[in-house]
Amino acid sequence: MNSGKLILVRHGLSVYNDQNRFTGWKDVDLNEQGISEAKEAVSLLEEIDFDMAFTSELKRANNTLDLILKGIKQESITIEKDVALNERDYGDLVGQNKAEAAEKFGDEQVQIWRRSYDIPPPGGESLKDTADRVIPYLNDKILPMVYDGKNIIVSAHGNSIRAIVMALKNFTPKEILKTEIGWCEPWIFEFENKKLVNLEIKSRPNSKSMSKLPN
């Protein structure tokens, strides 16, 4: 009986997150709080022996992964980076403060772009577009290793992780829009015989950004 685990970790707070800016594919780094959050995740993961890691091509996710692997003394595992795991591309909104974007495009329109499933901002992606590139990569590259009994860690972004959660939990678009992914709060999916048998979400101590499943 093959039993593998898939652990999803959203990167720590970035410079743009702290400034309430749309980040998307802008390659900004972690701020000091984000570095601390990644280090706090170490104690939540130190009992798991990982076989391989996957991450996006953006350094806030890369550096979160590096801090975690260093903390759990598993830096030697293979790491694969791929654009498929990048954050949702916010297009023309990237770099704008969310209040500034509301003034420019109208608050109602910005909320539609942020909270709808399949309506992209100008020049960017919807959550559906993001899922359309993330899920094939999940199915082709990541899940076969988990089904083979391997323990895999993925360090990625709020919306790319949402897409994975949507696929693994068979959530509807409405359900995934109500799902929150906390900074550096591991989502641990456990599989047996290619079936999901358990999900555990580990909260960081004193976390103000809590993960949340739909009611």
N, C-alpha and C. Protein backbone atom coordinates (compact mmCIF):
# COMPACT_ATOMS: atom_id res chain seq x y z
N MET A 1 0.85 -1.20 0.00
CA MET A 1 0.00 0.00 0.00
C MET A 1 0.89 1.25 0.00
N ASN A 2 0.79 2.04 -1.05
CA ASN A 2 1.56 3.27 -1.14
C ASN A 2 0.88 4.40 -0.37
N SER A 3 1.67 5.07 0.48
CA SER A 3 1.14 6.17 1.26
C SER A 3 2.09 7.35 1.16
N GLY A 4 1.66 8.41 0.48
CA GLY A 4 2.51 9.59 0.31
C GLY A 4 1.79 10.84 0.79
N LYS A 5 2.59 11.88 1.03
CA LYS A 5 2.04 13.15 1.49
C LYS A 5 2.41 14.27 0.53
N LEU A 6 1.45 15.17 0.34
CA LEU A 6 1.67 16.38 -0.44
C LEU A 6 1.47 17.56 0.50
N ILE A 7 2.52 18.35 0.68
CA ILE A 7 2.46 19.49 1.60
C ILE A 7 2.53 20.78 0.79
N LEU A 8 1.52 21.61 0.93
CA LEU A 8 1.45 22.89 0.23
C LEU A 8 1.74 24.02 1.21
N VAL A 9 2.66 24.91 0.82
CA VAL A 9 3.01 26.04 1.68
C VAL A 9 2.97 27.33 0.87
N ARG A 10 2.14 28.26 1.28
CA ARG A 10 2.15 29.59 0.68
C ARG A 10 3.34 30.37 1.22
N HIS A 11 4.00 31.12 0.35
CA HIS A 11 5.15 31.91 0.77
C HIS A 11 4.80 32.88 1.90
N GLY A 12 5.82 33.39 2.57
CA GLY A 12 5.62 34.39 3.60
C GLY A 12 5.29 35.75 3.00
N LEU A 13 4.97 36.69 3.86
CA LEU A 13 4.58 38.04 3.43
C LEU A 13 5.69 38.67 2.59
N SER A 14 5.30 39.27 1.47
CA SER A 14 6.28 39.92 0.59
C SER A 14 6.21 41.44 0.75
N VAL A 15 7.16 42.10 0.14
CA VAL A 15 7.20 43.57 0.17
C VAL A 15 5.90 44.15 -0.36
N TYR A 16 5.42 43.62 -1.49
CA TYR A 16 4.18 44.15 -2.09
C TYR A 16 2.95 43.78 -1.26
N ASN A 17 2.93 42.57 -0.68
CA ASN A 17 1.80 42.20 0.18
C ASN A 17 1.69 43.20 1.32
N ASP A 18 2.82 43.56 1.89
CA ASP A 18 2.85 44.48 3.02
C ASP A 18 2.34 45.86 2.64
N GLN A 19 2.55 46.23 1.37
CA GLN A 19 2.10 47.54 0.87
C GLN A 19 0.71 47.47 0.24
N ASN A 20 0.05 46.30 0.36
CA ASN A 20 -1.29 46.10 -0.17
C ASN A 20 -1.35 46.32 -1.69
N ARG A 21 -0.27 45.89 -2.37
CA ARG A 21 -0.21 46.03 -3.83
C ARG A 21 -0.53 44.70 -4.52
N PHE A 22 -1.09 44.79 -5.72
CA PHE A 22 -1.25 43.60 -6.54
C PHE A 22 0.13 43.13 -6.98
N THR A 23 0.46 41.87 -6.71
CA THR A 23 1.81 41.38 -6.96
C THR A 23 1.89 40.54 -8.22
N GLY A 24 1.08 39.48 -8.29
CA GLY A 24 1.09 38.64 -9.48
C GLY A 24 2.47 38.10 -9.81
N TRP A 25 2.93 38.35 -11.04
CA TRP A 25 4.21 37.82 -11.49
C TRP A 25 5.37 38.77 -11.20
N LYS A 26 5.11 39.89 -10.54
CA LYS A 26 6.19 40.79 -10.15
C LYS A 26 7.09 40.05 -9.16
N ASP A 27 8.39 40.01 -9.44
CA ASP A 27 9.29 39.15 -8.66
C ASP A 27 9.86 39.88 -7.44
N VAL A 28 8.98 40.17 -6.50
CA VAL A 28 9.39 40.85 -5.27
C VAL A 28 9.77 39.81 -4.21
N ASP A 29 10.57 40.25 -3.25
CA ASP A 29 11.09 39.33 -2.25
C ASP A 29 10.24 39.37 -0.97
N LEU A 30 10.57 38.47 -0.06
CA LEU A 30 9.96 38.48 1.27
C LEU A 30 10.42 39.71 2.04
N ASN A 31 9.55 40.23 2.91
CA ASN A 31 10.01 41.24 3.85
C ASN A 31 10.42 40.53 5.14
N GLU A 32 10.78 41.30 6.16
CA GLU A 32 11.26 40.68 7.40
C GLU A 32 10.19 39.80 8.05
N GLN A 33 8.94 40.26 7.99
CA GLN A 33 7.86 39.43 8.54
C GLN A 33 7.74 38.12 7.79
N GLY A 34 7.84 38.19 6.45
CA GLY A 34 7.75 36.98 5.63
C GLY A 34 8.86 35.99 5.93
N ILE A 35 10.07 36.50 6.17
CA ILE A 35 11.18 35.63 6.55
C ILE A 35 10.89 34.94 7.88
N SER A 36 10.36 35.70 8.84
CA SER A 36 10.00 35.13 10.14
C SER A 36 8.92 34.07 10.00
N GLU A 37 7.93 34.32 9.13
CA GLU A 37 6.85 33.35 8.93
C GLU A 37 7.38 32.04 8.36
N ALA A 38 8.31 32.14 7.40
CA ALA A 38 8.90 30.92 6.83
C ALA A 38 9.65 30.14 7.89
N LYS A 39 10.37 30.84 8.75
CA LYS A 39 11.11 30.17 9.82
C LYS A 39 10.17 29.53 10.84
N GLU A 40 9.02 30.17 11.06
CA GLU A 40 8.04 29.59 12.00
C GLU A 40 7.45 28.29 11.47
N ALA A 41 7.43 28.14 10.14
CA ALA A 41 6.88 26.91 9.54
C ALA A 41 7.78 25.71 9.77
N VAL A 42 9.04 25.96 10.09
CA VAL A 42 10.00 24.87 10.27
C VAL A 42 9.52 23.87 11.32
N SER A 43 9.09 24.37 12.47
CA SER A 43 8.67 23.47 13.56
C SER A 43 7.43 22.66 13.20
N LEU A 44 6.68 23.13 12.20
CA LEU A 44 5.47 22.44 11.78
C LEU A 44 5.76 21.30 10.81
N LEU A 45 6.99 21.29 10.26
CA LEU A 45 7.32 20.34 9.20
C LEU A 45 8.54 19.47 9.50
N GLU A 46 9.18 19.68 10.65
CA GLU A 46 10.47 19.02 10.88
C GLU A 46 10.37 17.51 11.06
N GLU A 47 9.16 16.98 11.25
CA GLU A 47 9.03 15.53 11.42
C GLU A 47 8.78 14.80 10.11
N ILE A 48 8.71 15.54 9.01
CA ILE A 48 8.45 14.91 7.71
C ILE A 48 9.75 14.83 6.91
N ASP A 49 10.04 13.65 6.37
CA ASP A 49 11.18 13.47 5.48
C ASP A 49 10.71 13.63 4.05
N PHE A 50 11.20 14.67 3.38
CA PHE A 50 10.75 14.97 2.04
C PHE A 50 11.64 14.30 0.99
N ASP A 51 11.00 13.89 -0.12
CA ASP A 51 11.73 13.28 -1.23
C ASP A 51 12.05 14.29 -2.33
N MET A 52 11.20 15.30 -2.47
CA MET A 52 11.41 16.28 -3.54
C MET A 52 10.58 17.52 -3.25
N ALA A 53 11.00 18.64 -3.85
CA ALA A 53 10.27 19.90 -3.69
C ALA A 53 9.97 20.52 -5.05
N PHE A 54 8.82 21.21 -5.10
CA PHE A 54 8.44 21.96 -6.29
C PHE A 54 8.14 23.39 -5.87
N THR A 55 8.46 24.33 -6.75
CA THR A 55 8.16 25.72 -6.45
C THR A 55 7.97 26.49 -7.76
N SER A 56 7.55 27.74 -7.64
CA SER A 56 7.35 28.59 -8.81
C SER A 56 8.69 29.17 -9.25
N GLU A 57 8.65 30.09 -10.22
CA GLU A 57 9.87 30.77 -10.65
C GLU A 57 10.03 32.13 -9.96
N LEU A 58 9.26 32.38 -8.92
CA LEU A 58 9.28 33.67 -8.23
C LEU A 58 9.99 33.53 -6.89
N LYS A 59 10.88 34.50 -6.60
CA LYS A 59 11.79 34.33 -5.47
C LYS A 59 11.12 34.35 -4.11
N ARG A 60 9.94 34.94 -3.98
CA ARG A 60 9.30 34.90 -2.66
C ARG A 60 8.92 33.47 -2.29
N ALA A 61 8.54 32.66 -3.28
CA ALA A 61 8.25 31.24 -3.03
C ALA A 61 9.55 30.45 -2.91
N ASN A 62 10.53 30.75 -3.77
CA ASN A 62 11.83 30.07 -3.73
C ASN A 62 12.50 30.26 -2.37
N ASN A 63 12.51 31.50 -1.88
CA ASN A 63 13.20 31.80 -0.64
C ASN A 63 12.48 31.23 0.58
N THR A 64 11.14 31.19 0.51
CA THR A 64 10.38 30.53 1.58
C THR A 64 10.77 29.06 1.66
N LEU A 65 10.84 28.40 0.50
CA LEU A 65 11.24 26.99 0.46
C LEU A 65 12.65 26.81 1.00
N ASP A 66 13.57 27.66 0.57
CA ASP A 66 14.97 27.54 1.03
C ASP A 66 15.06 27.67 2.55
N LEU A 67 14.33 28.63 3.13
CA LEU A 67 14.37 28.82 4.58
C LEU A 67 13.81 27.61 5.32
N ILE A 68 12.74 27.02 4.77
CA ILE A 68 12.14 25.85 5.41
C ILE A 68 13.08 24.65 5.32
N LEU A 69 13.61 24.39 4.12
CA LEU A 69 14.49 23.23 3.95
C LEU A 69 15.76 23.36 4.78
N LYS A 70 16.29 24.58 4.87
CA LYS A 70 17.46 24.79 5.73
C LYS A 70 17.11 24.53 7.19
N GLY A 71 15.94 24.99 7.60
CA GLY A 71 15.52 24.82 8.99
C GLY A 71 15.31 23.37 9.38
N ILE A 72 14.81 22.56 8.44
CA ILE A 72 14.57 21.15 8.74
C ILE A 72 15.74 20.27 8.30
N LYS A 73 16.83 20.93 7.85
CA LYS A 73 18.08 20.24 7.46
C LYS A 73 17.86 19.24 6.33
N GLN A 74 17.10 19.69 5.32
CA GLN A 74 16.86 18.85 4.15
C GLN A 74 17.16 19.62 2.85
N GLU A 75 18.22 20.44 2.87
CA GLU A 75 18.55 21.26 1.70
C GLU A 75 18.99 20.45 0.49
N SER A 76 19.34 19.20 0.70
CA SER A 76 19.92 18.41 -0.40
C SER A 76 18.88 17.79 -1.33
N ILE A 77 17.60 17.90 -0.98
CA ILE A 77 16.59 17.28 -1.87
C ILE A 77 16.50 18.04 -3.19
N THR A 78 16.03 17.36 -4.22
CA THR A 78 15.88 17.97 -5.54
C THR A 78 14.74 18.97 -5.52
N ILE A 79 14.98 20.14 -6.15
CA ILE A 79 13.96 21.19 -6.25
C ILE A 79 13.69 21.46 -7.73
N GLU A 80 12.44 21.41 -8.13
CA GLU A 80 12.06 21.75 -9.51
C GLU A 80 11.24 23.04 -9.49
N LYS A 81 11.70 24.01 -10.29
CA LYS A 81 10.99 25.28 -10.42
C LYS A 81 10.26 25.32 -11.74
N ASP A 82 9.02 25.83 -11.72
CA ASP A 82 8.25 25.90 -12.97
C ASP A 82 7.27 27.06 -12.93
N VAL A 83 7.15 27.73 -14.06
CA VAL A 83 6.22 28.86 -14.19
C VAL A 83 4.78 28.43 -13.97
N ALA A 84 4.49 27.15 -14.14
CA ALA A 84 3.12 26.65 -13.94
C ALA A 84 2.63 26.90 -12.53
N LEU A 85 3.55 27.02 -11.57
CA LEU A 85 3.17 27.23 -10.17
C LEU A 85 3.19 28.70 -9.76
N ASN A 86 3.46 29.59 -10.72
CA ASN A 86 3.46 31.02 -10.41
C ASN A 86 2.11 31.49 -9.91
N GLU A 87 2.15 32.63 -9.22
CA GLU A 87 0.91 33.27 -8.77
C GLU A 87 0.05 33.65 -9.97
N ARG A 88 -1.21 33.88 -9.71
CA ARG A 88 -2.10 34.44 -10.73
C ARG A 88 -1.52 35.76 -11.24
N ASP A 89 -1.54 35.93 -12.55
CA ASP A 89 -1.03 37.17 -13.17
C ASP A 89 -2.14 38.22 -13.12
N TYR A 90 -1.88 39.31 -12.40
CA TYR A 90 -2.89 40.36 -12.28
C TYR A 90 -2.81 41.41 -13.38
N GLY A 91 -1.96 41.18 -14.39
CA GLY A 91 -1.95 42.03 -15.56
C GLY A 91 -1.73 43.50 -15.27
N ASP A 92 -2.65 44.34 -15.74
CA ASP A 92 -2.51 45.80 -15.61
C ASP A 92 -2.62 46.28 -14.16
N LEU A 93 -3.05 45.41 -13.26
CA LEU A 93 -3.17 45.81 -11.85
C LEU A 93 -1.85 45.68 -11.09
N VAL A 94 -0.89 44.93 -11.64
CA VAL A 94 0.36 44.65 -10.93
C VAL A 94 1.07 45.93 -10.52
N GLY A 95 1.46 45.97 -9.26
CA GLY A 95 2.19 47.12 -8.73
C GLY A 95 1.31 48.20 -8.14
N GLN A 96 0.02 48.16 -8.46
CA GLN A 96 -0.88 49.19 -7.95
C GLN A 96 -1.37 48.83 -6.54
N ASN A 97 -1.40 49.83 -5.68
CA ASN A 97 -2.06 49.68 -4.40
C ASN A 97 -3.54 49.41 -4.67
N LYS A 98 -4.16 48.56 -3.87
CA LYS A 98 -5.54 48.16 -4.13
C LYS A 98 -6.50 49.35 -4.03
N ALA A 99 -6.18 50.32 -3.17
CA ALA A 99 -7.00 51.53 -3.09
C ALA A 99 -6.84 52.37 -4.35
N GLU A 100 -5.61 52.46 -4.86
CA GLU A 100 -5.35 53.20 -6.10
C GLU A 100 -6.08 52.56 -7.28
N ALA A 101 -6.04 51.23 -7.32
CA ALA A 101 -6.74 50.52 -8.40
C ALA A 101 -8.24 50.76 -8.34
N ALA A 102 -8.78 50.82 -7.13
CA ALA A 102 -10.21 51.09 -6.97
C ALA A 102 -10.56 52.48 -7.48
N GLU A 103 -9.68 53.46 -7.25
CA GLU A 103 -9.92 54.81 -7.76
C GLU A 103 -9.86 54.84 -9.28
N LYS A 104 -8.95 54.08 -9.85
CA LYS A 104 -8.74 54.10 -11.30
C LYS A 104 -9.83 53.35 -12.06
N PHE A 105 -10.17 52.15 -11.57
CA PHE A 105 -11.10 51.28 -12.29
C PHE A 105 -12.50 51.23 -11.67
N GLY A 106 -12.63 51.74 -10.45
CA GLY A 106 -13.89 51.63 -9.71
C GLY A 106 -13.83 50.46 -8.74
N ASP A 107 -14.28 50.69 -7.53
CA ASP A 107 -14.19 49.67 -6.49
C ASP A 107 -14.95 48.40 -6.87
N GLU A 108 -16.13 48.57 -7.46
CA GLU A 108 -16.94 47.40 -7.81
C GLU A 108 -16.24 46.54 -8.86
N GLN A 109 -15.62 47.19 -9.87
CA GLN A 109 -14.93 46.43 -10.91
C GLN A 109 -13.72 45.69 -10.35
N VAL A 110 -12.96 46.34 -9.49
CA VAL A 110 -11.80 45.68 -8.89
C VAL A 110 -12.23 44.48 -8.06
N GLN A 111 -13.33 44.61 -7.33
CA GLN A 111 -13.84 43.48 -6.54
C GLN A 111 -14.26 42.32 -7.44
N ILE A 112 -14.83 42.64 -8.60
CA ILE A 112 -15.20 41.58 -9.55
C ILE A 112 -13.96 40.83 -10.01
N TRP A 113 -12.91 41.57 -10.36
CA TRP A 113 -11.67 40.92 -10.80
C TRP A 113 -11.06 40.08 -9.69
N ARG A 114 -11.12 40.57 -8.46
CA ARG A 114 -10.50 39.86 -7.34
C ARG A 114 -11.30 38.64 -6.91
N ARG A 115 -12.61 38.75 -6.92
CA ARG A 115 -13.45 37.74 -6.27
C ARG A 115 -14.26 36.87 -7.22
N SER A 116 -14.14 37.08 -8.52
CA SER A 116 -14.82 36.18 -9.45
C SER A 116 -13.89 35.04 -9.84
N TYR A 117 -14.45 33.98 -10.38
CA TYR A 117 -13.65 32.81 -10.75
C TYR A 117 -13.07 32.93 -12.16
N ASP A 118 -13.85 33.51 -13.09
CA ASP A 118 -13.44 33.43 -14.49
C ASP A 118 -13.42 34.77 -15.22
N ILE A 119 -13.32 35.88 -14.47
CA ILE A 119 -13.23 37.20 -15.10
C ILE A 119 -11.85 37.78 -14.81
N PRO A 120 -10.97 37.84 -15.83
CA PRO A 120 -9.60 38.33 -15.59
C PRO A 120 -9.52 39.84 -15.65
N PRO A 121 -8.56 40.43 -14.93
CA PRO A 121 -8.29 41.87 -15.10
C PRO A 121 -7.63 42.10 -16.46
N PRO A 122 -7.58 43.32 -16.94
CA PRO A 122 -6.96 43.58 -18.25
C PRO A 122 -5.51 43.08 -18.29
N GLY A 123 -5.21 42.27 -19.31
CA GLY A 123 -3.85 41.78 -19.49
C GLY A 123 -3.45 40.69 -18.51
N GLY A 124 -4.38 40.18 -17.72
CA GLY A 124 -4.02 39.21 -16.69
C GLY A 124 -4.82 37.93 -16.77
N GLU A 125 -4.81 37.18 -15.66
CA GLU A 125 -5.47 35.89 -15.58
C GLU A 125 -6.61 35.91 -14.56
N SER A 126 -7.62 35.11 -14.81
CA SER A 126 -8.62 34.81 -13.79
C SER A 126 -8.11 33.63 -12.97
N LEU A 127 -8.81 33.30 -11.89
CA LEU A 127 -8.45 32.12 -11.13
C LEU A 127 -8.62 30.87 -12.00
N LYS A 128 -9.61 30.87 -12.87
CA LYS A 128 -9.79 29.74 -13.79
C LYS A 128 -8.58 29.58 -14.70
N ASP A 129 -8.07 30.70 -15.23
CA ASP A 129 -6.87 30.63 -16.08
C ASP A 129 -5.69 30.05 -15.31
N THR A 130 -5.56 30.48 -14.06
CA THR A 130 -4.48 29.98 -13.21
C THR A 130 -4.62 28.48 -13.01
N ALA A 131 -5.83 28.04 -12.70
CA ALA A 131 -6.08 26.61 -12.50
C ALA A 131 -5.79 25.81 -13.76
N ASP A 132 -6.07 26.40 -14.92
CA ASP A 132 -5.87 25.70 -16.19
C ASP A 132 -4.39 25.41 -16.48
N ARG A 133 -3.47 26.16 -15.85
CA ARG A 133 -2.05 25.83 -16.03
C ARG A 133 -1.48 25.05 -14.84
N VAL A 134 -2.06 25.28 -13.64
CA VAL A 134 -1.55 24.60 -12.44
C VAL A 134 -1.96 23.13 -12.40
N ILE A 135 -3.22 22.85 -12.67
CA ILE A 135 -3.74 21.49 -12.48
C ILE A 135 -3.09 20.46 -13.40
N PRO A 136 -2.87 20.75 -14.69
CA PRO A 136 -2.14 19.77 -15.51
C PRO A 136 -0.74 19.48 -14.98
N TYR A 137 -0.06 20.51 -14.49
CA TYR A 137 1.27 20.30 -13.91
C TYR A 137 1.18 19.43 -12.66
N LEU A 138 0.18 19.70 -11.83
CA LEU A 138 -0.07 18.86 -10.65
C LEU A 138 -0.26 17.40 -11.05
N ASN A 139 -1.11 17.17 -12.03
CA ASN A 139 -1.44 15.80 -12.44
C ASN A 139 -0.28 15.09 -13.13
N ASP A 140 0.50 15.84 -13.91
CA ASP A 140 1.58 15.22 -14.69
C ASP A 140 2.87 15.04 -13.90
N LYS A 141 3.20 16.01 -13.04
CA LYS A 141 4.51 16.04 -12.40
C LYS A 141 4.50 15.67 -10.91
N ILE A 142 3.50 16.16 -10.19
CA ILE A 142 3.54 16.08 -8.73
C ILE A 142 2.81 14.85 -8.19
N LEU A 143 1.56 14.68 -8.58
CA LEU A 143 0.76 13.60 -8.00
C LEU A 143 1.32 12.20 -8.28
N PRO A 144 1.90 11.93 -9.47
CA PRO A 144 2.47 10.59 -9.67
C PRO A 144 3.51 10.22 -8.61
N MET A 145 4.30 11.20 -8.16
CA MET A 145 5.30 10.93 -7.12
C MET A 145 4.62 10.67 -5.78
N VAL A 146 3.58 11.46 -5.47
CA VAL A 146 2.85 11.26 -4.22
C VAL A 146 2.18 9.88 -4.22
N TYR A 147 1.55 9.54 -5.35
CA TYR A 147 0.89 8.23 -5.46
C TYR A 147 1.88 7.08 -5.33
N ASP A 148 3.15 7.36 -5.63
CA ASP A 148 4.20 6.35 -5.52
C ASP A 148 4.76 6.25 -4.10
N GLY A 149 4.15 7.02 -3.17
CA GLY A 149 4.55 6.93 -1.78
C GLY A 149 5.56 7.97 -1.34
N LYS A 150 5.84 8.94 -2.21
CA LYS A 150 6.82 9.98 -1.87
C LYS A 150 6.16 11.11 -1.08
N ASN A 151 6.97 11.80 -0.27
CA ASN A 151 6.54 13.01 0.44
C ASN A 151 7.05 14.22 -0.32
N ILE A 152 6.14 15.05 -0.78
CA ILE A 152 6.48 16.17 -1.66
C ILE A 152 6.05 17.48 -1.02
N ILE A 153 6.93 18.49 -1.06
CA ILE A 153 6.57 19.82 -0.59
C ILE A 153 6.49 20.77 -1.78
N VAL A 154 5.45 21.59 -1.80
CA VAL A 154 5.26 22.60 -2.85
C VAL A 154 5.21 23.97 -2.17
N SER A 155 6.13 24.85 -2.53
CA SER A 155 6.11 26.22 -2.04
C SER A 155 5.64 27.12 -3.18
N ALA A 156 4.47 27.72 -3.00
CA ALA A 156 3.89 28.47 -4.11
C ALA A 156 3.12 29.68 -3.58
N HIS A 157 1.97 29.98 -4.18
CA HIS A 157 1.28 31.26 -3.95
C HIS A 157 -0.19 31.02 -3.63
N GLY A 158 -0.84 32.06 -3.12
CA GLY A 158 -2.23 31.92 -2.71
C GLY A 158 -3.13 31.30 -3.76
N ASN A 159 -3.04 31.81 -4.99
CA ASN A 159 -3.96 31.33 -6.02
C ASN A 159 -3.51 30.05 -6.71
N SER A 160 -2.20 29.83 -6.85
CA SER A 160 -1.77 28.56 -7.43
C SER A 160 -2.05 27.42 -6.44
N ILE A 161 -1.92 27.70 -5.14
CA ILE A 161 -2.28 26.68 -4.14
C ILE A 161 -3.79 26.48 -4.11
N ARG A 162 -4.54 27.56 -4.25
CA ARG A 162 -6.01 27.41 -4.33
C ARG A 162 -6.39 26.46 -5.46
N ALA A 163 -5.73 26.59 -6.60
CA ALA A 163 -6.04 25.73 -7.75
C ALA A 163 -5.79 24.26 -7.41
N ILE A 164 -4.69 24.00 -6.70
CA ILE A 164 -4.38 22.62 -6.30
C ILE A 164 -5.42 22.10 -5.31
N VAL A 165 -5.76 22.93 -4.33
CA VAL A 165 -6.78 22.54 -3.34
C VAL A 165 -8.11 22.26 -4.04
N MET A 166 -8.45 23.09 -5.00
CA MET A 166 -9.70 22.91 -5.75
C MET A 166 -9.72 21.53 -6.42
N ALA A 167 -8.60 21.14 -7.02
CA ALA A 167 -8.54 19.85 -7.70
C ALA A 167 -8.58 18.69 -6.71
N LEU A 168 -7.83 18.79 -5.63
CA LEU A 168 -7.74 17.67 -4.69
C LEU A 168 -9.02 17.47 -3.88
N LYS A 169 -9.73 18.59 -3.59
CA LYS A 169 -10.94 18.51 -2.78
C LYS A 169 -12.22 18.54 -3.61
N ASN A 170 -12.05 18.62 -4.94
CA ASN A 170 -13.22 18.69 -5.82
C ASN A 170 -14.15 19.85 -5.46
N PHE A 171 -13.55 20.99 -5.14
CA PHE A 171 -14.34 22.16 -4.80
C PHE A 171 -14.95 22.80 -6.04
N THR A 172 -16.11 23.40 -5.87
CA THR A 172 -16.72 24.21 -6.92
C THR A 172 -16.02 25.57 -6.97
N PRO A 173 -16.20 26.34 -8.05
CA PRO A 173 -15.65 27.70 -8.07
C PRO A 173 -16.09 28.53 -6.87
N LYS A 174 -17.35 28.40 -6.47
CA LYS A 174 -17.85 29.15 -5.32
C LYS A 174 -17.11 28.75 -4.05
N GLU A 175 -16.86 27.45 -3.88
CA GLU A 175 -16.18 26.97 -2.68
C GLU A 175 -14.72 27.42 -2.65
N ILE A 176 -14.04 27.39 -3.80
CA ILE A 176 -12.62 27.75 -3.79
C ILE A 176 -12.44 29.24 -3.55
N LEU A 177 -13.41 30.05 -3.95
CA LEU A 177 -13.32 31.49 -3.69
C LEU A 177 -13.48 31.81 -2.21
N LYS A 178 -14.06 30.89 -1.44
CA LYS A 178 -14.21 31.07 0.01
C LYS A 178 -13.06 30.43 0.79
N THR A 179 -12.10 29.86 0.07
CA THR A 179 -10.97 29.18 0.70
C THR A 179 -9.81 30.16 0.87
N GLU A 180 -9.30 30.25 2.08
CA GLU A 180 -8.17 31.15 2.37
C GLU A 180 -6.92 30.32 2.65
N ILE A 181 -5.80 30.76 2.09
CA ILE A 181 -4.52 30.09 2.30
C ILE A 181 -3.63 31.00 3.13
N GLY A 182 -3.37 30.65 4.38
CA GLY A 182 -2.58 31.50 5.26
C GLY A 182 -1.10 31.48 4.92
N TRP A 183 -0.40 32.56 5.25
CA TRP A 183 1.05 32.63 5.00
C TRP A 183 1.78 31.52 5.75
N CYS A 184 2.52 30.69 5.02
CA CYS A 184 3.40 29.67 5.62
C CYS A 184 2.65 28.75 6.58
N GLU A 185 1.39 28.46 6.28
CA GLU A 185 0.62 27.49 7.06
C GLU A 185 0.47 26.22 6.22
N PRO A 186 1.21 25.17 6.55
CA PRO A 186 1.22 23.97 5.72
C PRO A 186 -0.14 23.27 5.63
N TRP A 187 -0.50 22.94 4.41
CA TRP A 187 -1.66 22.08 4.14
C TRP A 187 -1.10 20.70 3.82
N ILE A 188 -1.38 19.74 4.66
CA ILE A 188 -0.79 18.41 4.53
C ILE A 188 -1.86 17.43 4.04
N PHE A 189 -1.73 17.03 2.80
CA PHE A 189 -2.65 16.07 2.19
C PHE A 189 -1.99 14.69 2.23
N GLU A 190 -2.72 13.72 2.75
CA GLU A 190 -2.19 12.36 2.83
C GLU A 190 -3.00 11.43 1.93
N PHE A 191 -2.27 10.61 1.17
CA PHE A 191 -2.91 9.73 0.20
C PHE A 191 -2.57 8.27 0.49
N GLU A 192 -3.52 7.40 0.20
CA GLU A 192 -3.29 5.96 0.22
C GLU A 192 -3.95 5.37 -1.01
N ASN A 193 -3.19 4.59 -1.76
CA ASN A 193 -3.70 3.96 -2.98
C ASN A 193 -4.37 4.98 -3.90
N LYS A 194 -3.68 6.11 -4.08
CA LYS A 194 -4.11 7.18 -4.99
C LYS A 194 -5.38 7.90 -4.55
N LYS A 195 -5.76 7.71 -3.30
CA LYS A 195 -6.95 8.38 -2.79
C LYS A 195 -6.57 9.29 -1.62
N LEU A 196 -7.18 10.47 -1.58
CA LEU A 196 -6.95 11.38 -0.47
C LEU A 196 -7.66 10.84 0.77
N VAL A 197 -6.89 10.64 1.83
CA VAL A 197 -7.49 10.07 3.04
C VAL A 197 -7.48 11.05 4.21
N ASN A 198 -6.69 12.12 4.11
CA ASN A 198 -6.66 13.06 5.23
C ASN A 198 -6.10 14.41 4.78
N LEU A 199 -6.62 15.47 5.38
CA LEU A 199 -6.08 16.82 5.20
C LEU A 199 -5.92 17.45 6.57
N GLU A 200 -4.70 17.90 6.85
CA GLU A 200 -4.43 18.63 8.09
C GLU A 200 -3.83 19.98 7.74
N ILE A 201 -4.38 21.04 8.31
CA ILE A 201 -3.84 22.38 8.11
C ILE A 201 -3.18 22.81 9.42
N LYS A 202 -1.89 23.12 9.35
CA LYS A 202 -1.15 23.49 10.55
C LYS A 202 -1.00 25.01 10.64
N SER A 203 -1.47 25.58 11.72
CA SER A 203 -1.40 27.03 11.91
C SER A 203 -0.08 27.40 12.58
N ARG A 204 0.45 28.55 12.17
CA ARG A 204 1.63 29.08 12.84
C ARG A 204 1.20 29.72 14.17
N PRO A 205 2.09 29.72 15.15
CA PRO A 205 1.77 30.41 16.40
C PRO A 205 1.52 31.90 16.16
N ASN A 206 0.48 32.42 16.74
CA ASN A 206 0.16 33.86 16.65
C ASN A 206 -0.12 34.34 15.23
N SER A 207 -0.56 33.45 14.37
CA SER A 207 -0.84 33.84 12.98
C SER A 207 -2.07 34.73 12.90
N LYS A 208 -1.95 35.81 12.15
CA LYS A 208 -3.09 36.71 11.93
C LYS A 208 -3.75 36.44 10.58
N SER A 209 -3.10 35.65 9.74
CA SER A 209 -3.65 35.30 8.44
C SER A 209 -3.92 33.81 8.43
N MET A 210 -5.12 33.44 8.82
CA MET A 210 -5.44 32.04 9.03
C MET A 210 -5.99 31.38 7.77
N SER A 211 -5.58 30.15 7.56
CA SER A 211 -6.18 29.35 6.49
C SER A 211 -7.63 29.06 6.85
N LYS A 212 -8.43 28.91 5.80
CA LYS A 212 -9.87 28.69 6.04
C LYS A 212 -10.48 27.88 4.90
N LEU A 213 -11.18 26.83 5.26
CA LEU A 213 -11.95 26.05 4.31
C LEU A 213 -13.36 26.62 4.21
N PRO A 214 -14.04 26.43 3.07
CA PRO A 214 -15.42 26.92 2.97
C PRO A 214 -16.34 26.22 3.95
N ASN A 215 -17.34 26.92 4.42
CA ASN A 215 -18.30 26.34 5.37
C ASN A 215 -19.17 25.29 4.68
